[in-house]
C-alpha atoms as a PDB file:
ATOM      1  CA  MET A   1       1.599  13.922  -9.017  1.00  0.00           C
ATOM      2  CA  ILE A   2       4.918  12.601  -7.748  1.00  0.00           C
ATOM      3  CA  SER A   3       7.765  14.763  -8.980  1.00  0.00           C
ATOM      4  CA  ALA A   4      10.460  13.657  -6.540  1.00  0.00           C
ATOM      5  CA  PRO A   5      12.918  11.006  -7.649  1.00  0.00           C
ATOM      6  CA  ILE A   6      12.451   7.527  -6.235  1.00  0.00           C
ATOM      7  CA  THR A   7      15.611   7.898  -4.145  1.00  0.00           C
ATOM      8  CA  SER A   8      14.071  10.700  -2.043  1.00  0.00           C
ATOM      9  CA  GLU A   9      12.068   9.670   0.961  1.00  0.00           C
ATOM     10  CA  LEU A  10       8.531   9.007  -0.158  1.00  0.00           C
ATOM     11  CA  LYS A  11       5.697   8.738   2.344  1.00  0.00           C
ATOM     12  CA  ILE A  12       4.073   5.310   2.590  1.00  0.00           C
ATOM     13  CA  LEU A  13       0.900   4.439   4.483  1.00  0.00           C
ATOM     14  CA  ILE A  14       0.816   0.865   5.769  1.00  0.00           C
ATOM     15  CA  VAL A  15      -2.612  -0.721   6.223  1.00  0.00           C
ATOM     16  CA  GLU A  16      -2.086  -4.005   8.063  1.00  0.00           C
ATOM     17  CA  ASP A  17      -4.169  -5.466  10.900  1.00  0.00           C
ATOM     18  CA  GLU A  18      -1.306  -7.475  12.423  1.00  0.00           C
ATOM     19  CA  PRO A  19       0.780  -5.044  14.532  1.00  0.00           C
ATOM     20  CA  LEU A  20       3.977  -7.138  14.411  1.00  0.00           C
ATOM     21  CA  ILE A  21       3.858  -7.385  10.619  1.00  0.00           C
ATOM     22  CA  ALA A  22       3.018  -3.679  10.310  1.00  0.00           C
ATOM     23  CA  GLU A  23       5.961  -2.737  12.525  1.00  0.00           C
ATOM     24  CA  HIS A  24       8.282  -5.036  10.565  1.00  0.00           C
ATOM     25  CA  ILE A  25       7.232  -3.382   7.297  1.00  0.00           C
ATOM     26  CA  ALA A  26       7.607   0.089   8.845  1.00  0.00           C
ATOM     27  CA  THR A  27      11.078  -0.630  10.195  1.00  0.00           C
ATOM     28  CA  TYR A  28      12.226  -1.944   6.850  1.00  0.00           C
ATOM     29  CA  LEU A  29      10.760   0.965   4.860  1.00  0.00           C
ATOM     30  CA  ASN A  30      12.212   3.565   7.220  1.00  0.00           C
ATOM     31  CA  ASN A  31      15.632   2.004   6.619  1.00  0.00           C
ATOM     32  CA  ALA A  32      15.168   1.821   2.839  1.00  0.00           C
ATOM     33  CA  ASP A  33      14.778   5.478   1.808  1.00  0.00           C
ATOM     34  CA  PHE A  34      11.036   5.615   2.508  1.00  0.00           C
ATOM     35  CA  THR A  35       9.162   7.409   5.269  1.00  0.00           C
ATOM     36  CA  VAL A  36       6.192   5.693   6.885  1.00  0.00           C
ATOM     37  CA  SER A  37       3.464   8.330   7.059  1.00  0.00           C
ATOM     38  CA  GLY A  38       1.391   6.096   9.290  1.00  0.00           C
ATOM     39  CA  ILE A  39       0.170   2.636  10.159  1.00  0.00           C
ATOM     40  CA  ALA A  40      -3.529   1.846  10.060  1.00  0.00           C
ATOM     41  CA  TYR A  41      -4.916  -1.384  11.485  1.00  0.00           C
ATOM     42  CA  ASP A  42      -8.375  -1.104   9.911  1.00  0.00           C
ATOM     43  CA  ASP A  43     -10.366   0.713   7.235  1.00  0.00           C
ATOM     44  CA  GLU A  44     -11.566   3.564   9.442  1.00  0.00           C
ATOM     45  CA  GLU A  45      -8.074   4.378  10.663  1.00  0.00           C
ATOM     46  CA  ALA A  46      -6.761   4.184   7.084  1.00  0.00           C
ATOM     47  CA  ARG A  47      -9.385   6.646   5.842  1.00  0.00           C
ATOM     48  CA  ASN A  48      -8.557   9.045   8.683  1.00  0.00           C
ATOM     49  CA  GLN A  49      -4.856   8.884   7.872  1.00  0.00           C
ATOM     50  CA  LEU A  50      -5.488   9.380   4.163  1.00  0.00           C
ATOM     51  CA  ARG A  51      -7.458  12.543   4.959  1.00  0.00           C
ATOM     52  CA  ALA A  52      -4.866  13.838   7.442  1.00  0.00           C
ATOM     53  CA  THR A  53      -1.692  13.171   5.457  1.00  0.00           C
ATOM     54  CA  THR A  54      -2.035  11.942   1.909  1.00  0.00           C
ATOM     55  CA  PRO A  55       0.883   9.533   1.326  1.00  0.00           C
ATOM     56  CA  ASP A  56       2.755   8.933  -1.909  1.00  0.00           C
ATOM     57  CA  ALA A  57       1.693   5.256  -1.903  1.00  0.00           C
ATOM     58  CA  VAL A  58      -0.209   2.725   0.199  1.00  0.00           C
ATOM     59  CA  ILE A  59       0.633  -0.856   1.130  1.00  0.00           C
ATOM     60  CA  LEU A  60      -2.618  -2.720   1.802  1.00  0.00           C
ATOM     61  CA  ASP A  61      -3.352  -6.040   3.424  1.00  0.00           C
ATOM     62  CA  ILE A  62      -6.510  -7.608   2.021  1.00  0.00           C
ATOM     63  CA  ASN A  63      -7.755  -9.163   5.248  1.00  0.00           C
ATOM     64  CA  LEU A  64      -8.459  -6.339   7.713  1.00  0.00           C
ATOM     65  CA  ASP A  65     -10.303  -6.225  11.002  1.00  0.00           C
ATOM     66  CA  GLY A  66     -13.741  -4.712  10.551  1.00  0.00           C
ATOM     67  CA  ALA A  67     -16.469  -4.765   7.947  1.00  0.00           C
ATOM     68  CA  THR A  68     -14.326  -3.456   5.067  1.00  0.00           C
ATOM     69  CA  ASP A  69     -11.451  -5.406   3.551  1.00  0.00           C
ATOM     70  CA  GLY A  70      -8.387  -4.108   1.725  1.00  0.00           C
ATOM     71  CA  ILE A  71      -9.962  -4.514  -1.699  1.00  0.00           C
ATOM     72  CA  GLN A  72     -12.907  -2.338  -0.697  1.00  0.00           C
ATOM     73  CA  LEU A  73     -10.459   0.185   0.760  1.00  0.00           C
ATOM     74  CA  ALA A  74      -8.520   0.134  -2.527  1.00  0.00           C
ATOM     75  CA  ASP A  75     -11.743   0.970  -4.369  1.00  0.00           C
ATOM     76  CA  TYR A  76     -12.234   3.923  -1.995  1.00  0.00           C
ATOM     77  CA  ILE A  77      -8.659   5.084  -2.674  1.00  0.00           C
ATOM     78  CA  ASN A  78      -9.234   4.882  -6.445  1.00  0.00           C
ATOM     79  CA  LYS A  79     -12.388   6.978  -6.177  1.00  0.00           C
ATOM     80  CA  ASN A  80     -11.020   9.617  -3.787  1.00  0.00           C
ATOM     81  CA  TYR A  81      -7.247   9.856  -4.227  1.00  0.00           C
ATOM     82  CA  SER A  82      -4.766   9.734  -7.040  1.00  0.00           C
ATOM     83  CA  LEU A  83      -2.066   7.502  -5.639  1.00  0.00           C
ATOM     84  CA  PRO A  84      -0.656   4.037  -6.194  1.00  0.00           C
ATOM     85  CA  PHE A  85      -1.266   1.125  -3.864  1.00  0.00           C
ATOM     86  CA  LEU A  86      -0.104  -2.426  -3.739  1.00  0.00           C
ATOM     87  CA  PHE A  87      -1.412  -5.429  -1.898  1.00  0.00           C
ATOM     88  CA  LEU A  88       0.747  -7.302   0.587  1.00  0.00           C
ATOM     89  CA  THR A  89      -1.331 -10.276   1.599  1.00  0.00           C
ATOM     90  CA  SER A  90      -1.407 -13.983   2.319  1.00  0.00           C
ATOM     91  CA  TYR A  91      -4.361 -14.450  -0.053  1.00  0.00           C
ATOM     92  CA  ALA A  92      -3.558 -15.732  -3.534  1.00  0.00           C
ATOM     93  CA  ASP A  93      -6.667 -17.780  -4.353  1.00  0.00           C
ATOM     94  CA  ARG A  94      -8.419 -17.256  -7.695  1.00  0.00           C
ATOM     95  CA  ASP A  95     -11.479 -15.434  -6.243  1.00  0.00           C
ATOM     96  CA  THR A  96      -9.344 -12.967  -4.293  1.00  0.00           C
ATOM     97  CA  LEU A  97      -7.096 -12.326  -7.291  1.00  0.00           C
ATOM     98  CA  GLU A  98     -10.125 -11.672  -9.496  1.00  0.00           C
ATOM     99  CA  ARG A  99     -11.554  -9.209  -6.955  1.00  0.00           C
ATOM    100  CA  ALA A 100      -8.163  -7.531  -6.580  1.00  0.00           C
ATOM    101  CA  LYS A 101      -7.691  -7.120 -10.333  1.00  0.00           C
ATOM    102  CA  LYS A 102     -10.905  -5.093 -10.524  1.00  0.00           C
ATOM    103  CA  VAL A 103      -9.401  -2.297  -8.382  1.00  0.00           C
ATOM    104  CA  GLU A 104      -6.205  -2.214 -10.503  1.00  0.00           C
ATOM    105  CA  PRO A 105      -3.437  -2.446  -7.901  1.00  0.00           C
ATOM    106  CA  TRP A 106       0.058  -1.313  -8.840  1.00  0.00           C
ATOM    107  CA  GLY A 107       1.462  -4.487  -7.325  1.00  0.00           C
ATOM    108  CA  TYR A 108       0.573  -7.687  -5.492  1.00  0.00           C
ATOM    109  CA  ILE A 109       2.957  -9.401  -3.068  1.00  0.00           C
ATOM    110  CA  VAL A 110       2.112 -12.671  -1.336  1.00  0.00           C
ATOM    111  CA  LYS A 111       3.208 -13.205   2.285  1.00  0.00           C
ATOM    112  CA  PRO A 112       5.596 -14.273   3.535  1.00  0.00           C
ATOM    113  CA  PHE A 113       7.453 -11.556   1.688  1.00  0.00           C
ATOM    114  CA  ASN A 114      11.070 -10.793   1.002  1.00  0.00           C
ATOM    115  CA  GLU A 115      12.101  -7.238   1.924  1.00  0.00           C
ATOM    116  CA  LYS A 116      13.929  -6.732  -1.377  1.00  0.00           C
ATOM    117  CA  THR A 117      10.787  -7.792  -3.248  1.00  0.00           C
ATOM    118  CA  LEU A 118       8.757  -5.268  -1.248  1.00  0.00           C
ATOM    119  CA  GLN A 119      11.224  -2.473  -1.969  1.00  0.00           C
ATOM    120  CA  ALA A 120      11.476  -3.284  -5.676  1.00  0.00           C
ATOM    121  CA  SER A 121       7.702  -3.642  -6.090  1.00  0.00           C
ATOM    122  CA  LEU A 122       7.050  -0.375  -4.270  1.00  0.00           C
ATOM    123  CA  GLU A 123       9.640   1.530  -6.301  1.00  0.00           C
ATOM    124  CA  ILE A 124       8.290   0.165  -9.592  1.00  0.00           C
ATOM    125  CA  ALA A 125       4.702   0.969  -8.604  1.00  0.00           C
ATOM    126  CA  ILE A 126       5.551   4.555  -7.658  1.00  0.00           C
ATOM    127  CA  SER A 127       7.681   5.059 -10.763  1.00  0.00           C
ATOM    128  CA  ASN A 128       5.021   3.659 -13.103  1.00  0.00           C
ATOM    129  CA  PHE A 129       2.349   5.760 -11.405  1.00  0.00           C
ATOM    130  CA  ALA A 130       4.447   8.920 -11.740  1.00  0.00           C
ATOM    131  CA  HIS A 131       5.101   8.246 -15.435  1.00  0.00           C
ATOM    132  CA  ARG A 132       1.432   7.571 -16.105  1.00  0.00           C
ATOM    133  CA  ALA A 133       0.438  10.805 -14.337  1.00  0.00           C
ATOM    134  CA  ASN A 134       2.727  12.854 -16.615  1.00  0.00           C
END
Protein backbone atom coordinates (compact mmCIF):
# COMPACT_ATOMS: atom_id res chain seq x y z
CA MET A 1 0.00 0.00 0.00
CA ILE A 2 1.28 3.46 -0.88
CA SER A 3 0.76 5.84 2.02
CA ALA A 4 3.17 8.59 0.98
CA PRO A 5 1.79 11.60 -0.84
CA ILE A 6 2.44 11.82 -4.56
CA THR A 7 4.84 14.72 -4.02
CA SER A 8 7.30 12.53 -2.09
CA GLU A 9 9.85 10.65 -4.11
CA LEU A 10 8.31 7.39 -5.21
CA LYS A 11 10.44 4.56 -6.55
CA ILE A 12 9.86 3.69 -10.21
CA LEU A 13 11.25 0.69 -12.07
CA ILE A 14 11.79 1.30 -15.78
CA VAL A 15 11.61 -1.73 -18.07
CA GLU A 16 12.81 -0.61 -21.50
CA ASP A 17 15.10 -2.46 -23.91
CA GLU A 18 16.45 0.69 -25.59
CA PRO A 19 19.18 2.10 -23.30
CA LEU A 20 18.94 5.68 -24.64
CA ILE A 21 15.18 5.79 -24.10
CA ALA A 22 15.53 4.20 -20.65
CA GLU A 23 18.14 6.77 -19.64
CA HIS A 24 15.99 9.61 -20.96
CA ILE A 25 13.03 8.39 -18.90
CA ALA A 26 15.26 7.95 -15.83
CA THR A 27 16.75 11.43 -16.12
CA TYR A 28 13.33 12.98 -16.44
CA LEU A 29 11.82 11.03 -13.52
CA ASN A 30 14.77 11.78 -11.25
CA ASN A 31 14.19 15.48 -11.94
CA ALA A 32 10.42 15.25 -11.41
CA ASP A 33 10.10 14.14 -7.76
CA PHE A 34 10.47 10.42 -8.52
CA THR A 35 13.35 8.08 -7.76
CA VAL A 36 14.32 5.47 -10.33
CA SER A 37 14.76 2.24 -8.38
CA GLY A 38 16.31 0.59 -11.40
CA ILE A 39 16.37 0.09 -15.14
CA ALA A 40 15.78 -3.35 -16.61
CA TYR A 41 16.41 -4.09 -20.27
CA ASP A 42 14.62 -7.45 -20.36
CA ASP A 43 12.18 -9.65 -18.45
CA GLU A 44 14.79 -11.53 -16.42
CA GLU A 45 16.46 -8.35 -15.21
CA ALA A 46 13.04 -6.86 -14.38
CA ARG A 47 12.08 -9.88 -12.28
CA ASN A 48 15.40 -9.72 -10.42
CA GLN A 49 14.91 -6.04 -9.67
CA LEU A 50 11.33 -6.58 -8.54
CA ARG A 51 12.55 -9.21 -6.07
CA ALA A 52 15.47 -7.08 -4.84
CA THR A 53 13.68 -3.74 -4.43
CA THR A 54 9.95 -3.65 -4.92
CA PRO A 55 9.17 -0.26 -6.53
CA ASP A 56 6.06 1.85 -6.05
CA ALA A 57 5.25 1.59 -9.78
CA VAL A 58 6.63 0.17 -13.02
CA ILE A 59 6.91 1.71 -16.48
CA LEU A 60 6.90 -1.10 -19.05
CA ASP A 61 7.77 -1.19 -22.72
CA ILE A 62 5.80 -3.87 -24.55
CA ASN A 63 8.53 -4.91 -26.96
CA LEU A 64 11.43 -6.31 -24.92
CA ASP A 65 14.50 -8.29 -25.87
CA GLY A 66 14.04 -11.95 -25.01
CA ALA A 67 11.25 -14.48 -25.05
CA THR A 68 8.88 -12.53 -22.76
CA ASP A 69 7.28 -9.23 -23.74
CA GLY A 70 6.03 -6.43 -21.51
CA ILE A 71 2.47 -7.72 -21.48
CA GLN A 72 3.61 -11.10 -20.19
CA LEU A 73 5.75 -9.32 -17.60
CA ALA A 74 2.70 -7.26 -16.57
CA ASP A 75 0.78 -10.49 -16.02
CA TYR A 76 3.63 -11.71 -13.79
CA ILE A 77 3.52 -8.44 -11.83
CA ASN A 78 -0.25 -8.78 -11.34
CA LYS A 79 0.14 -12.31 -10.01
CA ASN A 80 3.12 -11.65 -7.72
CA TYR A 81 3.07 -8.00 -6.65
CA SER A 82 0.53 -5.42 -5.69
CA LEU A 83 1.70 -2.38 -7.58
CA PRO A 84 0.60 -0.24 -10.51
CA PHE A 85 2.25 -0.33 -13.90
CA LEU A 86 1.78 1.56 -17.10
CA PHE A 87 2.87 0.83 -20.62
CA LEU A 88 5.12 3.22 -22.51
CA THR A 89 5.33 1.77 -25.99
CA SER A 90 5.30 2.45 -29.70
CA TYR A 91 2.62 -0.22 -30.23
CA ALA A 92 -0.96 1.00 -30.56
CA ASP A 93 -2.44 -1.56 -32.97
CA ARG A 94 -5.76 -3.22 -32.10
CA ASP A 95 -4.26 -6.66 -31.27
CA THR A 96 -1.67 -5.20 -28.90
CA LEU A 97 -4.27 -3.00 -27.21
CA GLU A 98 -6.57 -5.99 -26.72
CA ARG A 99 -3.73 -8.03 -25.18
CA ALA A 100 -2.73 -5.09 -22.98
CA LYS A 101 -6.27 -4.54 -21.70
CA LYS A 102 -6.35 -8.10 -20.36
CA VAL A 103 -3.57 -7.32 -17.84
CA GLU A 104 -5.34 -4.12 -16.67
CA PRO A 105 -2.59 -1.49 -16.90
CA TRP A 106 -2.97 1.72 -14.92
CA GLY A 107 -1.99 3.69 -18.00
CA TYR A 108 -0.91 3.42 -21.63
CA ILE A 109 1.34 5.99 -23.31
CA VAL A 110 2.31 5.78 -26.98
CA LYS A 111 5.84 6.79 -28.04
CA PRO A 112 7.06 9.29 -28.85
CA PHE A 113 5.96 10.61 -25.49
CA ASN A 114 5.77 14.01 -23.90
CA GLU A 115 7.46 14.22 -20.49
CA LYS A 116 4.51 16.06 -18.95
CA THR A 117 2.19 13.30 -20.19
CA LEU A 118 4.45 10.69 -18.59
CA GLN A 119 4.52 12.54 -15.28
CA ALA A 120 0.77 13.13 -15.22
CA SER A 121 -0.05 9.55 -16.22
CA LEU A 122 2.31 8.13 -13.61
CA GLU A 123 0.94 10.35 -10.84
CA ILE A 124 -2.67 9.48 -11.72
CA ALA A 125 -1.87 5.76 -11.87
CA ILE A 126 -0.16 5.78 -8.47
CA SER A 127 -2.90 7.90 -6.91
CA ASN A 128 -5.70 5.71 -8.28
CA PHE A 129 -3.87 2.58 -7.16
CA ALA A 130 -3.39 3.97 -3.65
CA HIS A 131 -7.07 4.93 -3.38
CA ARG A 132 -8.19 1.52 -4.61
CA ALA A 133 -5.91 -0.22 -2.09
CA ASN A 134 -7.53 1.69 0.81
